[in-house]
Every structure is written in C-alpha cells, then in structure tokens.
Amino acid sequence: MADQTKVYVVDDDEAIRDSIGMMLDSVGLDWASYDSAISFLDALDDTFQGCLVLDIRMPGMSGLDLQDELASRKVSIPIIFITGHGDIPMAVEAMRKGAVDFIRKPFRDQELLDRVNEALAIEEETRDQQQELQEMQAAVEKLTPREKEVFGRVAEGQANKVIAIELGISERTVEIHRSQVMHKTGSRSLADLVKLRLRLEDN
C-alpha cells in the first residue's frame, strides 16, 4: 500500500470511532476519524486515498448524502457502510450506487477488518489502473496528428494499403507512421493497439 493510504472513519458516535480506531491500530493501519460528513468533506483533498468506513445514518448530512456528494465530485474511494437493523434498504441502495459492502451493528472486529482489507485492495487496483490509463493517454498525446490518424485506422482493422489510399500517402509512409505509433505507445502487436484504442474510448 502507498504511504498515504488510510482508513477514513466517519461516524457521529465517538465510542464507535474510537473502537474502530483501536482495531485499526492493532493491525498497523493508518486511520483518521471525523464526527460528521461535513467535517470529512472539509478535510478532503487530492491526497486522500484508502477507503471510507461510513455510518449510514447521521444528523445533518447522512452517509448516503455523502456518497452522492463524493460521486458528484468524481471522488472514487471505496465505501463500507455501517448500518443499523432498520437501515438495510438504505444499505442496499448504497450498494447499488457502488459501495463495497455494508455491515450491521453490532459487528465483529474481524468482520469489519476483512471488509476494510477488501476495500483497500480494490482502491489500490483502481489507482494502478488509473495510473496506467494516464500513461496510455500521455503516450497517445506524443503522436503527431498524422500518426493519430494512422493509429485510429490501424486499430479499426484497416490494411496499410487502404489507409494509404484514403489518406493519399504511400503505403511505405503508412508503414513508417505505424512503426512510430507502435514505438511511442509501447505496443508490440496489432492486438495491443486495438486494446489501447478500446481502453481510451471507454474512458
């Protein structure tokens, strides 16, 4: 895990915050706690990474409201909801909106810890994928306008001869551009180029 990875605990009950904090301390996980959704949002910045343990029902802004607010800000952080018995329908709704899981009060420490470890693994994988995507985008940005044209057509399955005719250039020139595209994007095959194009289109 990255050095900045933390478990963020948001609950208006101080006893629960302290209890969860002691559990996280016992397994060497960094954590920070907040007594309301608003106090968490006030502290939130680009350095936050890890997962969020969030009470679903709190005075003022609820856990669900915070989940919606984070989504509107495009903040992607795995959320584990803590719920009371009567909050199950709300928890199911939270899952539909992307929460990792929910656990019911009272919960066992190991149950919460298992969920936290799962959420941290998800966050780390997502972060790695985002970094990979940024590197892909940077590689494509290095292409010249003509190379981008060739890249797009090659990735769509067009033959060099067809590309040459449609762009009004020689087949040899297409081959040179194609070679440059492969080199600059780190692609080793046509399949790599197709995967790169699809990945960028999906995002």
N, C-alpha and C. Protein backbone atom coordinates (compact mmCIF):
# COMPACT_ATOMS: atom_id res chain seq x y z
N MET A 1 0.83 -1.20 0.00
CA MET A 1 0.00 0.00 0.00
C MET A 1 0.87 1.26 0.00
N ALA A 2 0.35 2.32 -0.57
CA ALA A 2 1.09 3.58 -0.57
C ALA A 2 1.13 4.16 0.83
N ASP A 3 2.16 4.98 1.09
CA ASP A 3 2.34 5.54 2.43
C ASP A 3 1.12 6.35 2.88
N GLN A 4 0.43 7.01 1.93
CA GLN A 4 -0.66 7.89 2.30
C GLN A 4 -1.98 7.15 2.51
N THR A 5 -2.00 5.84 2.24
CA THR A 5 -3.24 5.09 2.33
C THR A 5 -3.75 5.08 3.77
N LYS A 6 -5.03 5.44 3.93
CA LYS A 6 -5.65 5.48 5.26
C LYS A 6 -7.05 4.91 5.20
N VAL A 7 -7.52 4.57 6.38
CA VAL A 7 -8.94 4.22 6.54
C VAL A 7 -9.60 5.43 7.19
N TYR A 8 -10.58 6.01 6.50
CA TYR A 8 -11.27 7.20 6.99
C TYR A 8 -12.58 6.76 7.64
N VAL A 9 -12.72 7.04 8.91
CA VAL A 9 -13.90 6.62 9.67
C VAL A 9 -14.79 7.83 9.92
N VAL A 10 -16.02 7.76 9.43
CA VAL A 10 -16.96 8.87 9.59
C VAL A 10 -18.18 8.36 10.34
N ASP A 11 -18.32 8.81 11.59
CA ASP A 11 -19.44 8.36 12.44
C ASP A 11 -19.65 9.41 13.52
N ASP A 12 -20.90 9.72 13.82
CA ASP A 12 -21.17 10.73 14.85
C ASP A 12 -21.04 10.18 16.26
N ASP A 13 -20.85 8.86 16.39
CA ASP A 13 -20.70 8.23 17.70
C ASP A 13 -19.21 8.10 18.03
N GLU A 14 -18.76 8.87 19.02
CA GLU A 14 -17.34 8.89 19.37
C GLU A 14 -16.85 7.51 19.82
N ALA A 15 -17.68 6.78 20.54
CA ALA A 15 -17.28 5.46 21.03
C ALA A 15 -16.99 4.50 19.87
N ILE A 16 -17.82 4.58 18.84
CA ILE A 16 -17.60 3.72 17.67
C ILE A 16 -16.34 4.14 16.94
N ARG A 17 -16.13 5.44 16.79
CA ARG A 17 -14.90 5.91 16.13
C ARG A 17 -13.67 5.41 16.88
N ASP A 18 -13.69 5.54 18.19
CA ASP A 18 -12.54 5.11 19.00
C ASP A 18 -12.33 3.60 18.92
N SER A 19 -13.43 2.86 18.94
CA SER A 19 -13.34 1.40 18.88
C SER A 19 -12.74 0.94 17.56
N ILE A 20 -13.22 1.52 16.46
CA ILE A 20 -12.69 1.16 15.15
C ILE A 20 -11.23 1.58 15.04
N GLY A 21 -10.91 2.76 15.59
CA GLY A 21 -9.53 3.24 15.55
C GLY A 21 -8.58 2.30 16.28
N MET A 22 -9.00 1.80 17.45
CA MET A 22 -8.17 0.87 18.20
C MET A 22 -7.94 -0.42 17.43
N MET A 23 -8.99 -0.87 16.75
CA MET A 23 -8.86 -2.10 15.95
C MET A 23 -7.86 -1.89 14.81
N LEU A 24 -7.97 -0.74 14.14
CA LEU A 24 -7.06 -0.46 13.02
C LEU A 24 -5.63 -0.29 13.51
N ASP A 25 -5.46 0.34 14.67
CA ASP A 25 -4.12 0.46 15.27
C ASP A 25 -3.52 -0.92 15.53
N SER A 26 -4.35 -1.85 15.96
CA SER A 26 -3.86 -3.18 16.36
C SER A 26 -3.29 -3.96 15.18
N VAL A 27 -3.69 -3.59 13.95
CA VAL A 27 -3.17 -4.29 12.77
C VAL A 27 -2.27 -3.37 11.93
N GLY A 28 -1.93 -2.20 12.49
CA GLY A 28 -0.96 -1.32 11.84
C GLY A 28 -1.50 -0.52 10.67
N LEU A 29 -2.81 -0.29 10.62
CA LEU A 29 -3.38 0.51 9.54
C LEU A 29 -3.52 1.97 9.98
N ASP A 30 -3.10 2.89 9.12
CA ASP A 30 -3.29 4.30 9.41
C ASP A 30 -4.77 4.65 9.28
N TRP A 31 -5.23 5.59 10.10
CA TRP A 31 -6.63 5.96 10.03
C TRP A 31 -6.82 7.40 10.48
N ALA A 32 -7.96 7.93 10.13
CA ALA A 32 -8.36 9.26 10.59
C ALA A 32 -9.87 9.21 10.79
N SER A 33 -10.37 9.94 11.78
CA SER A 33 -11.81 9.88 12.05
C SER A 33 -12.44 11.26 12.00
N TYR A 34 -13.73 11.27 11.70
CA TYR A 34 -14.50 12.51 11.57
C TYR A 34 -15.87 12.29 12.19
N ASP A 35 -16.38 13.31 12.85
CA ASP A 35 -17.66 13.16 13.56
C ASP A 35 -18.87 13.49 12.70
N SER A 36 -18.64 13.88 11.46
CA SER A 36 -19.76 14.19 10.57
C SER A 36 -19.29 14.13 9.12
N ALA A 37 -20.25 14.01 8.22
CA ALA A 37 -19.93 14.02 6.80
C ALA A 37 -19.32 15.35 6.39
N ILE A 38 -19.83 16.43 6.97
CA ILE A 38 -19.33 17.77 6.63
C ILE A 38 -17.86 17.93 7.04
N SER A 39 -17.50 17.44 8.22
CA SER A 39 -16.11 17.57 8.67
C SER A 39 -15.18 16.75 7.77
N PHE A 40 -15.67 15.62 7.27
CA PHE A 40 -14.87 14.84 6.33
C PHE A 40 -14.68 15.61 5.02
N LEU A 41 -15.76 16.18 4.52
CA LEU A 41 -15.67 16.94 3.26
C LEU A 41 -14.76 18.15 3.41
N ASP A 42 -14.80 18.78 4.58
CA ASP A 42 -13.94 19.95 4.82
C ASP A 42 -12.46 19.57 4.77
N ALA A 43 -12.16 18.34 5.19
CA ALA A 43 -10.77 17.90 5.21
C ALA A 43 -10.32 17.27 3.89
N LEU A 44 -11.28 16.86 3.08
CA LEU A 44 -10.99 16.11 1.86
C LEU A 44 -10.13 16.91 0.88
N ASP A 45 -9.07 16.27 0.38
CA ASP A 45 -8.28 16.88 -0.69
C ASP A 45 -7.73 15.77 -1.59
N ASP A 46 -6.91 16.17 -2.55
CA ASP A 46 -6.43 15.22 -3.56
C ASP A 46 -5.50 14.15 -3.00
N THR A 47 -5.01 14.33 -1.78
CA THR A 47 -4.08 13.35 -1.21
C THR A 47 -4.80 12.16 -0.58
N PHE A 48 -6.12 12.27 -0.41
CA PHE A 48 -6.86 11.20 0.26
C PHE A 48 -6.87 9.95 -0.62
N GLN A 49 -6.41 8.83 -0.06
CA GLN A 49 -6.54 7.54 -0.73
C GLN A 49 -6.61 6.46 0.33
N GLY A 50 -7.41 5.47 0.04
CA GLY A 50 -7.65 4.41 1.01
C GLY A 50 -9.09 3.96 0.90
N CYS A 51 -9.79 3.90 2.02
CA CYS A 51 -11.20 3.55 1.99
C CYS A 51 -11.94 4.30 3.09
N LEU A 52 -13.25 4.29 2.99
CA LEU A 52 -14.10 5.05 3.90
C LEU A 52 -15.03 4.10 4.64
N VAL A 53 -14.98 4.16 5.97
CA VAL A 53 -15.94 3.42 6.81
C VAL A 53 -16.95 4.45 7.27
N LEU A 54 -18.18 4.30 6.83
CA LEU A 54 -19.16 5.39 6.92
C LEU A 54 -20.48 4.95 7.56
N ASP A 55 -20.87 5.66 8.59
CA ASP A 55 -22.18 5.42 9.20
C ASP A 55 -23.26 5.89 8.23
N ILE A 56 -24.25 5.06 8.02
CA ILE A 56 -25.26 5.40 7.02
C ILE A 56 -26.25 6.45 7.52
N ARG A 57 -26.47 6.48 8.84
CA ARG A 57 -27.47 7.40 9.39
C ARG A 57 -26.80 8.33 10.40
N MET A 58 -26.68 9.61 10.02
CA MET A 58 -26.07 10.61 10.90
C MET A 58 -26.89 11.89 10.85
N PRO A 59 -26.83 12.72 11.89
CA PRO A 59 -27.53 14.01 11.86
C PRO A 59 -26.98 14.88 10.72
N GLY A 60 -27.84 15.69 10.16
CA GLY A 60 -27.39 16.55 9.07
C GLY A 60 -27.21 15.75 7.80
N MET A 61 -26.02 15.78 7.25
CA MET A 61 -25.73 15.03 6.03
C MET A 61 -25.54 13.55 6.37
N SER A 62 -26.37 12.69 5.78
CA SER A 62 -26.29 11.26 6.06
C SER A 62 -25.14 10.63 5.27
N GLY A 63 -24.89 9.35 5.57
CA GLY A 63 -23.87 8.63 4.82
C GLY A 63 -24.22 8.54 3.34
N LEU A 64 -25.50 8.31 3.05
CA LEU A 64 -25.93 8.25 1.64
C LEU A 64 -25.71 9.59 0.95
N ASP A 65 -26.01 10.68 1.66
CA ASP A 65 -25.79 12.02 1.09
C ASP A 65 -24.31 12.23 0.78
N LEU A 66 -23.46 11.77 1.69
CA LEU A 66 -22.01 11.92 1.47
C LEU A 66 -21.58 11.09 0.27
N GLN A 67 -22.12 9.89 0.15
CA GLN A 67 -21.80 9.06 -1.01
C GLN A 67 -22.17 9.78 -2.31
N ASP A 68 -23.35 10.40 -2.33
CA ASP A 68 -23.79 11.14 -3.52
C ASP A 68 -22.87 12.33 -3.79
N GLU A 69 -22.49 13.02 -2.73
CA GLU A 69 -21.63 14.19 -2.89
C GLU A 69 -20.26 13.80 -3.44
N LEU A 70 -19.71 12.72 -2.94
CA LEU A 70 -18.42 12.24 -3.44
C LEU A 70 -18.52 11.86 -4.91
N ALA A 71 -19.63 11.22 -5.28
CA ALA A 71 -19.83 10.85 -6.68
C ALA A 71 -19.91 12.08 -7.56
N SER A 72 -20.60 13.13 -7.07
CA SER A 72 -20.73 14.35 -7.87
C SER A 72 -19.39 15.05 -8.03
N ARG A 73 -18.49 14.87 -7.07
CA ARG A 73 -17.14 15.45 -7.15
C ARG A 73 -16.16 14.53 -7.88
N LYS A 74 -16.69 13.38 -8.33
CA LYS A 74 -15.86 12.38 -9.01
C LYS A 74 -14.72 11.88 -8.12
N VAL A 75 -15.01 11.77 -6.82
CA VAL A 75 -14.05 11.21 -5.87
C VAL A 75 -14.33 9.71 -5.77
N SER A 76 -13.37 8.91 -6.22
CA SER A 76 -13.55 7.47 -6.23
C SER A 76 -12.82 6.87 -5.03
N ILE A 77 -13.57 6.53 -3.99
CA ILE A 77 -12.99 5.91 -2.80
C ILE A 77 -13.94 4.81 -2.34
N PRO A 78 -13.46 3.60 -2.13
CA PRO A 78 -14.36 2.51 -1.72
C PRO A 78 -15.01 2.83 -0.37
N ILE A 79 -16.31 2.54 -0.29
CA ILE A 79 -17.07 2.85 0.92
C ILE A 79 -17.63 1.58 1.53
N ILE A 80 -17.42 1.44 2.84
CA ILE A 80 -18.06 0.38 3.63
C ILE A 80 -19.04 1.08 4.58
N PHE A 81 -20.30 0.75 4.47
CA PHE A 81 -21.30 1.38 5.32
C PHE A 81 -21.51 0.59 6.60
N ILE A 82 -21.69 1.31 7.69
CA ILE A 82 -22.10 0.72 8.97
C ILE A 82 -23.60 1.02 9.12
N THR A 83 -24.39 -0.02 9.33
CA THR A 83 -25.84 0.17 9.34
C THR A 83 -26.48 -0.43 10.58
N GLY A 84 -27.60 0.17 10.96
CA GLY A 84 -28.47 -0.43 11.98
C GLY A 84 -29.44 -1.37 11.30
N HIS A 85 -30.18 -2.13 12.09
CA HIS A 85 -31.10 -3.13 11.53
C HIS A 85 -32.10 -2.50 10.56
N GLY A 86 -32.63 -1.34 10.93
CA GLY A 86 -33.65 -0.70 10.10
C GLY A 86 -33.10 0.00 8.86
N ASP A 87 -31.79 -0.02 8.71
CA ASP A 87 -31.17 0.70 7.60
C ASP A 87 -30.85 -0.19 6.40
N ILE A 88 -31.26 -1.46 6.45
CA ILE A 88 -30.88 -2.40 5.39
C ILE A 88 -31.33 -1.93 3.99
N PRO A 89 -32.59 -1.46 3.82
CA PRO A 89 -32.97 -0.97 2.49
C PRO A 89 -32.07 0.17 2.01
N MET A 90 -31.68 1.06 2.94
CA MET A 90 -30.77 2.15 2.58
C MET A 90 -29.41 1.59 2.17
N ALA A 91 -28.96 0.56 2.90
CA ALA A 91 -27.66 -0.04 2.60
C ALA A 91 -27.67 -0.71 1.22
N VAL A 92 -28.77 -1.35 0.89
CA VAL A 92 -28.90 -1.97 -0.42
C VAL A 92 -28.83 -0.90 -1.51
N GLU A 93 -29.48 0.24 -1.27
CA GLU A 93 -29.42 1.36 -2.22
C GLU A 93 -27.98 1.85 -2.35
N ALA A 94 -27.26 1.92 -1.23
CA ALA A 94 -25.86 2.35 -1.26
C ALA A 94 -25.02 1.40 -2.10
N MET A 95 -25.29 0.10 -1.99
CA MET A 95 -24.57 -0.89 -2.79
C MET A 95 -24.84 -0.68 -4.27
N ARG A 96 -26.08 -0.37 -4.60
CA ARG A 96 -26.42 -0.11 -6.00
C ARG A 96 -25.62 1.08 -6.55
N LYS A 97 -25.30 2.00 -5.66
CA LYS A 97 -24.56 3.19 -6.07
C LYS A 97 -23.05 3.00 -6.00
N GLY A 98 -22.62 1.76 -5.70
CA GLY A 98 -21.20 1.48 -5.78
C GLY A 98 -20.47 1.20 -4.48
N ALA A 99 -21.17 1.18 -3.33
CA ALA A 99 -20.50 0.86 -2.08
C ALA A 99 -19.92 -0.56 -2.14
N VAL A 100 -18.81 -0.77 -1.48
CA VAL A 100 -18.18 -2.09 -1.48
C VAL A 100 -19.01 -3.09 -0.70
N ASP A 101 -19.51 -2.66 0.45
CA ASP A 101 -20.28 -3.58 1.30
C ASP A 101 -20.92 -2.78 2.43
N PHE A 102 -21.74 -3.45 3.21
CA PHE A 102 -22.25 -2.85 4.44
C PHE A 102 -22.22 -3.91 5.53
N ILE A 103 -22.02 -3.47 6.76
CA ILE A 103 -22.04 -4.39 7.89
C ILE A 103 -23.01 -3.85 8.94
N ARG A 104 -23.67 -4.77 9.59
CA ARG A 104 -24.70 -4.38 10.55
C ARG A 104 -24.13 -4.27 11.96
N LYS A 105 -24.63 -3.27 12.68
CA LYS A 105 -24.29 -3.14 14.10
C LYS A 105 -25.12 -4.15 14.91
N PRO A 106 -24.57 -4.72 15.96
CA PRO A 106 -23.15 -4.66 16.34
C PRO A 106 -22.35 -5.59 15.45
N PHE A 107 -21.11 -5.23 15.14
CA PHE A 107 -20.31 -6.05 14.24
C PHE A 107 -19.06 -6.55 14.96
N ARG A 108 -18.52 -7.64 14.45
CA ARG A 108 -17.28 -8.18 14.99
C ARG A 108 -16.10 -7.46 14.34
N ASP A 109 -15.04 -7.25 15.11
CA ASP A 109 -13.87 -6.56 14.58
C ASP A 109 -13.34 -7.23 13.32
N GLN A 110 -13.27 -8.56 13.35
CA GLN A 110 -12.70 -9.28 12.20
C GLN A 110 -13.56 -9.09 10.96
N GLU A 111 -14.87 -9.01 11.16
CA GLU A 111 -15.78 -8.79 10.01
C GLU A 111 -15.47 -7.46 9.35
N LEU A 112 -15.33 -6.41 10.15
CA LEU A 112 -15.02 -5.09 9.60
C LEU A 112 -13.63 -5.08 8.99
N LEU A 113 -12.67 -5.71 9.66
CA LEU A 113 -11.31 -5.72 9.15
C LEU A 113 -11.22 -6.42 7.80
N ASP A 114 -11.96 -7.51 7.64
CA ASP A 114 -11.98 -8.21 6.34
C ASP A 114 -12.50 -7.29 5.25
N ARG A 115 -13.55 -6.54 5.56
CA ARG A 115 -14.12 -5.63 4.57
C ARG A 115 -13.15 -4.49 4.25
N VAL A 116 -12.47 -3.99 5.27
CA VAL A 116 -11.50 -2.91 5.07
C VAL A 116 -10.37 -3.37 4.16
N ASN A 117 -9.84 -4.56 4.42
CA ASN A 117 -8.76 -5.07 3.59
C ASN A 117 -9.21 -5.27 2.15
N GLU A 118 -10.45 -5.73 1.98
CA GLU A 118 -11.01 -5.89 0.64
C GLU A 118 -11.11 -4.54 -0.07
N ALA A 119 -11.60 -3.54 0.67
CA ALA A 119 -11.76 -2.20 0.08
C ALA A 119 -10.41 -1.58 -0.27
N LEU A 120 -9.41 -1.77 0.58
CA LEU A 120 -8.08 -1.22 0.30
C LEU A 120 -7.47 -1.88 -0.93
N ALA A 121 -7.71 -3.18 -1.10
CA ALA A 121 -7.21 -3.88 -2.28
C ALA A 121 -7.88 -3.36 -3.55
N ILE A 122 -9.18 -3.09 -3.47
CA ILE A 122 -9.92 -2.53 -4.60
C ILE A 122 -9.38 -1.15 -4.95
N GLU A 123 -9.14 -0.34 -3.92
CA GLU A 123 -8.65 1.03 -4.15
C GLU A 123 -7.27 1.01 -4.80
N GLU A 124 -6.41 0.10 -4.34
CA GLU A 124 -5.06 0.02 -4.89
C GLU A 124 -5.10 -0.40 -6.36
N GLU A 125 -5.97 -1.38 -6.67
CA GLU A 125 -6.10 -1.84 -8.06
C GLU A 125 -6.64 -0.71 -8.94
N THR A 126 -7.64 0.01 -8.43
CA THR A 126 -8.21 1.13 -9.20
C THR A 126 -7.17 2.20 -9.45
N ARG A 127 -6.38 2.51 -8.42
CA ARG A 127 -5.34 3.53 -8.56
C ARG A 127 -4.30 3.12 -9.60
N ASP A 128 -3.93 1.83 -9.59
CA ASP A 128 -2.97 1.33 -10.58
C ASP A 128 -3.54 1.44 -11.99
N GLN A 129 -4.83 1.13 -12.14
CA GLN A 129 -5.47 1.22 -13.45
C GLN A 129 -5.53 2.66 -13.94
N GLN A 130 -5.81 3.58 -13.01
CA GLN A 130 -5.86 4.99 -13.38
C GLN A 130 -4.49 5.50 -13.82
N GLN A 131 -3.46 5.05 -13.12
CA GLN A 131 -2.10 5.45 -13.49
C GLN A 131 -1.74 4.90 -14.87
N GLU A 132 -2.12 3.65 -15.11
CA GLU A 132 -1.86 3.03 -16.41
C GLU A 132 -2.58 3.79 -17.52
N LEU A 133 -3.84 4.18 -17.25
CA LEU A 133 -4.61 4.93 -18.24
C LEU A 133 -3.96 6.28 -18.53
N GLN A 134 -3.50 6.97 -17.49
CA GLN A 134 -2.83 8.25 -17.69
C GLN A 134 -1.57 8.09 -18.54
N GLU A 135 -0.85 7.00 -18.32
CA GLU A 135 0.35 6.75 -19.11
C GLU A 135 -0.01 6.47 -20.57
N MET A 136 -1.11 5.76 -20.79
CA MET A 136 -1.59 5.49 -22.15
C MET A 136 -1.96 6.80 -22.85
N GLN A 137 -2.72 7.66 -22.13
CA GLN A 137 -3.14 8.93 -22.70
C GLN A 137 -1.94 9.80 -23.04
N ALA A 138 -0.93 9.79 -22.16
CA ALA A 138 0.28 10.58 -22.40
C ALA A 138 1.03 10.07 -23.62
N ALA A 139 1.06 8.74 -23.78
CA ALA A 139 1.75 8.15 -24.93
C ALA A 139 1.06 8.54 -26.24
N VAL A 140 -0.27 8.51 -26.25
CA VAL A 140 -1.02 8.86 -27.46
C VAL A 140 -0.87 10.35 -27.77
N GLU A 141 -0.76 11.18 -26.72
CA GLU A 141 -0.58 12.62 -26.93
C GLU A 141 0.75 12.92 -27.62
N LYS A 142 1.71 12.02 -27.52
CA LYS A 142 3.01 12.23 -28.16
C LYS A 142 2.96 11.99 -29.67
N LEU A 143 1.88 11.35 -30.13
CA LEU A 143 1.75 11.09 -31.56
C LEU A 143 1.48 12.37 -32.33
N THR A 144 2.01 12.44 -33.54
CA THR A 144 1.70 13.57 -34.42
C THR A 144 0.27 13.41 -34.92
N PRO A 145 -0.34 14.47 -35.45
CA PRO A 145 -1.70 14.35 -35.98
C PRO A 145 -1.83 13.22 -37.01
N ARG A 146 -0.83 13.09 -37.90
CA ARG A 146 -0.90 12.03 -38.91
C ARG A 146 -0.78 10.65 -38.26
N GLU A 147 0.10 10.53 -37.27
CA GLU A 147 0.25 9.26 -36.57
C GLU A 147 -1.04 8.87 -35.85
N LYS A 148 -1.73 9.87 -35.31
CA LYS A 148 -3.02 9.60 -34.65
C LYS A 148 -4.04 9.07 -35.66
N GLU A 149 -4.02 9.64 -36.86
CA GLU A 149 -4.92 9.15 -37.91
C GLU A 149 -4.62 7.70 -38.23
N VAL A 150 -3.35 7.40 -38.42
CA VAL A 150 -2.95 6.03 -38.75
C VAL A 150 -3.29 5.09 -37.59
N PHE A 151 -3.03 5.52 -36.37
CA PHE A 151 -3.34 4.73 -35.19
C PHE A 151 -4.81 4.34 -35.18
N GLY A 152 -5.68 5.33 -35.38
CA GLY A 152 -7.11 5.07 -35.35
C GLY A 152 -7.55 4.08 -36.42
N ARG A 153 -6.99 4.22 -37.60
CA ARG A 153 -7.38 3.35 -38.72
C ARG A 153 -6.82 1.94 -38.56
N VAL A 154 -5.59 1.85 -38.08
CA VAL A 154 -5.00 0.53 -37.84
C VAL A 154 -5.79 -0.21 -36.76
N ALA A 155 -6.12 0.52 -35.70
CA ALA A 155 -6.86 -0.09 -34.60
C ALA A 155 -8.26 -0.53 -35.02
N GLU A 156 -8.79 0.06 -36.08
CA GLU A 156 -10.10 -0.33 -36.61
C GLU A 156 -9.98 -1.51 -37.58
N GLY A 157 -8.73 -1.93 -37.84
CA GLY A 157 -8.53 -3.10 -38.68
C GLY A 157 -8.26 -2.82 -40.14
N GLN A 158 -8.06 -1.55 -40.50
CA GLN A 158 -7.79 -1.22 -41.90
C GLN A 158 -6.38 -1.66 -42.30
N ALA A 159 -6.25 -2.17 -43.51
CA ALA A 159 -4.95 -2.58 -44.03
C ALA A 159 -4.14 -1.36 -44.43
N ASN A 160 -2.82 -1.51 -44.43
CA ASN A 160 -1.94 -0.39 -44.80
C ASN A 160 -2.29 0.18 -46.16
N LYS A 161 -2.61 -0.70 -47.12
CA LYS A 161 -2.92 -0.26 -48.47
C LYS A 161 -4.17 0.64 -48.49
N VAL A 162 -5.18 0.24 -47.74
CA VAL A 162 -6.42 1.02 -47.66
C VAL A 162 -6.17 2.37 -47.00
N ILE A 163 -5.39 2.36 -45.92
CA ILE A 163 -5.05 3.61 -45.22
C ILE A 163 -4.31 4.55 -46.15
N ALA A 164 -3.37 3.99 -46.92
CA ALA A 164 -2.58 4.81 -47.85
C ALA A 164 -3.49 5.49 -48.87
N ILE A 165 -4.44 4.75 -49.41
CA ILE A 165 -5.35 5.31 -50.43
C ILE A 165 -6.23 6.40 -49.82
N GLU A 166 -6.80 6.12 -48.65
CA GLU A 166 -7.73 7.06 -48.03
C GLU A 166 -7.04 8.34 -47.56
N LEU A 167 -5.78 8.21 -47.13
CA LEU A 167 -5.05 9.40 -46.65
C LEU A 167 -4.22 10.06 -47.75
N GLY A 168 -4.16 9.41 -48.92
CA GLY A 168 -3.42 9.99 -50.04
C GLY A 168 -1.92 10.00 -49.82
N ILE A 169 -1.41 8.97 -49.18
CA ILE A 169 0.03 8.85 -48.94
C ILE A 169 0.48 7.47 -49.41
N SER A 170 1.79 7.26 -49.47
CA SER A 170 2.30 5.97 -49.93
C SER A 170 2.15 4.91 -48.84
N GLU A 171 2.11 3.66 -49.30
CA GLU A 171 2.00 2.55 -48.36
C GLU A 171 3.23 2.51 -47.45
N ARG A 172 4.40 2.88 -48.02
CA ARG A 172 5.62 2.90 -47.23
C ARG A 172 5.53 3.94 -46.11
N THR A 173 4.92 5.08 -46.42
CA THR A 173 4.75 6.12 -45.41
C THR A 173 3.82 5.64 -44.29
N VAL A 174 2.79 4.91 -44.66
CA VAL A 174 1.89 4.34 -43.65
C VAL A 174 2.67 3.39 -42.75
N GLU A 175 3.52 2.59 -43.35
CA GLU A 175 4.32 1.64 -42.57
C GLU A 175 5.23 2.37 -41.57
N ILE A 176 5.81 3.49 -42.01
CA ILE A 176 6.68 4.28 -41.13
C ILE A 176 5.87 4.86 -39.97
N HIS A 177 4.71 5.44 -40.29
CA HIS A 177 3.84 6.00 -39.25
C HIS A 177 3.39 4.91 -38.28
N ARG A 178 3.05 3.75 -38.83
CA ARG A 178 2.59 2.64 -37.99
C ARG A 178 3.70 2.19 -37.04
N SER A 179 4.92 2.14 -37.56
CA SER A 179 6.06 1.77 -36.73
C SER A 179 6.27 2.77 -35.60
N GLN A 180 6.11 4.06 -35.91
CA GLN A 180 6.25 5.11 -34.89
C GLN A 180 5.16 5.01 -33.83
N VAL A 181 3.95 4.70 -34.28
CA VAL A 181 2.83 4.53 -33.34
C VAL A 181 3.12 3.38 -32.38
N MET A 182 3.60 2.28 -32.93
CA MET A 182 3.92 1.12 -32.10
C MET A 182 4.99 1.48 -31.07
N HIS A 183 6.02 2.19 -31.53
CA HIS A 183 7.14 2.55 -30.65
C HIS A 183 6.70 3.51 -29.55
N LYS A 184 6.00 4.58 -29.93
CA LYS A 184 5.62 5.61 -28.96
C LYS A 184 4.60 5.11 -27.93
N THR A 185 3.75 4.17 -28.32
CA THR A 185 2.73 3.67 -27.39
C THR A 185 3.19 2.41 -26.66
N GLY A 186 4.37 1.90 -27.01
CA GLY A 186 4.86 0.70 -26.36
C GLY A 186 4.08 -0.55 -26.75
N SER A 187 3.42 -0.49 -27.90
CA SER A 187 2.63 -1.63 -28.36
C SER A 187 3.52 -2.61 -29.11
N ARG A 188 3.28 -3.91 -28.88
CA ARG A 188 4.11 -4.92 -29.53
C ARG A 188 3.36 -5.65 -30.65
N SER A 189 2.07 -5.40 -30.75
CA SER A 189 1.27 -6.10 -31.76
C SER A 189 0.04 -5.29 -32.11
N LEU A 190 -0.63 -5.73 -33.15
CA LEU A 190 -1.89 -5.09 -33.54
C LEU A 190 -2.91 -5.24 -32.41
N ALA A 191 -2.89 -6.39 -31.74
CA ALA A 191 -3.83 -6.61 -30.63
C ALA A 191 -3.62 -5.57 -29.53
N ASP A 192 -2.36 -5.22 -29.27
CA ASP A 192 -2.06 -4.19 -28.26
C ASP A 192 -2.65 -2.85 -28.66
N LEU A 193 -2.54 -2.51 -29.95
CA LEU A 193 -3.08 -1.24 -30.44
C LEU A 193 -4.61 -1.22 -30.30
N VAL A 194 -5.24 -2.33 -30.61
CA VAL A 194 -6.70 -2.42 -30.50
C VAL A 194 -7.13 -2.25 -29.04
N LYS A 195 -6.43 -2.94 -28.14
CA LYS A 195 -6.75 -2.83 -26.71
C LYS A 195 -6.56 -1.41 -26.21
N LEU A 196 -5.50 -0.76 -26.68
CA LEU A 196 -5.23 0.63 -26.29
C LEU A 196 -6.36 1.53 -26.74
N ARG A 197 -6.77 1.39 -27.98
CA ARG A 197 -7.86 2.22 -28.53
C ARG A 197 -9.15 1.99 -27.75
N LEU A 198 -9.48 0.73 -27.46
CA LEU A 198 -10.71 0.43 -26.73
C LEU A 198 -10.66 0.99 -25.31
N ARG A 199 -9.49 0.87 -24.68
CA ARG A 199 -9.34 1.39 -23.31
C ARG A 199 -9.56 2.89 -23.27
N LEU A 200 -8.99 3.60 -24.24
CA LEU A 200 -9.13 5.05 -24.27
C LEU A 200 -10.58 5.45 -24.58
N GLU A 201 -11.23 4.69 -25.46
CA GLU A 201 -12.63 5.01 -25.79
C GLU A 201 -13.54 4.80 -24.60
N ASP A 202 -13.25 3.79 -23.78
CA ASP A 202 -14.08 3.51 -22.60
C ASP A 202 -13.97 4.58 -21.54
N ASN A 203 -12.90 5.40 -21.64
CA ASN A 203 -12.69 6.42 -20.62
C ASN A 203 -12.74 7.82 -21.21
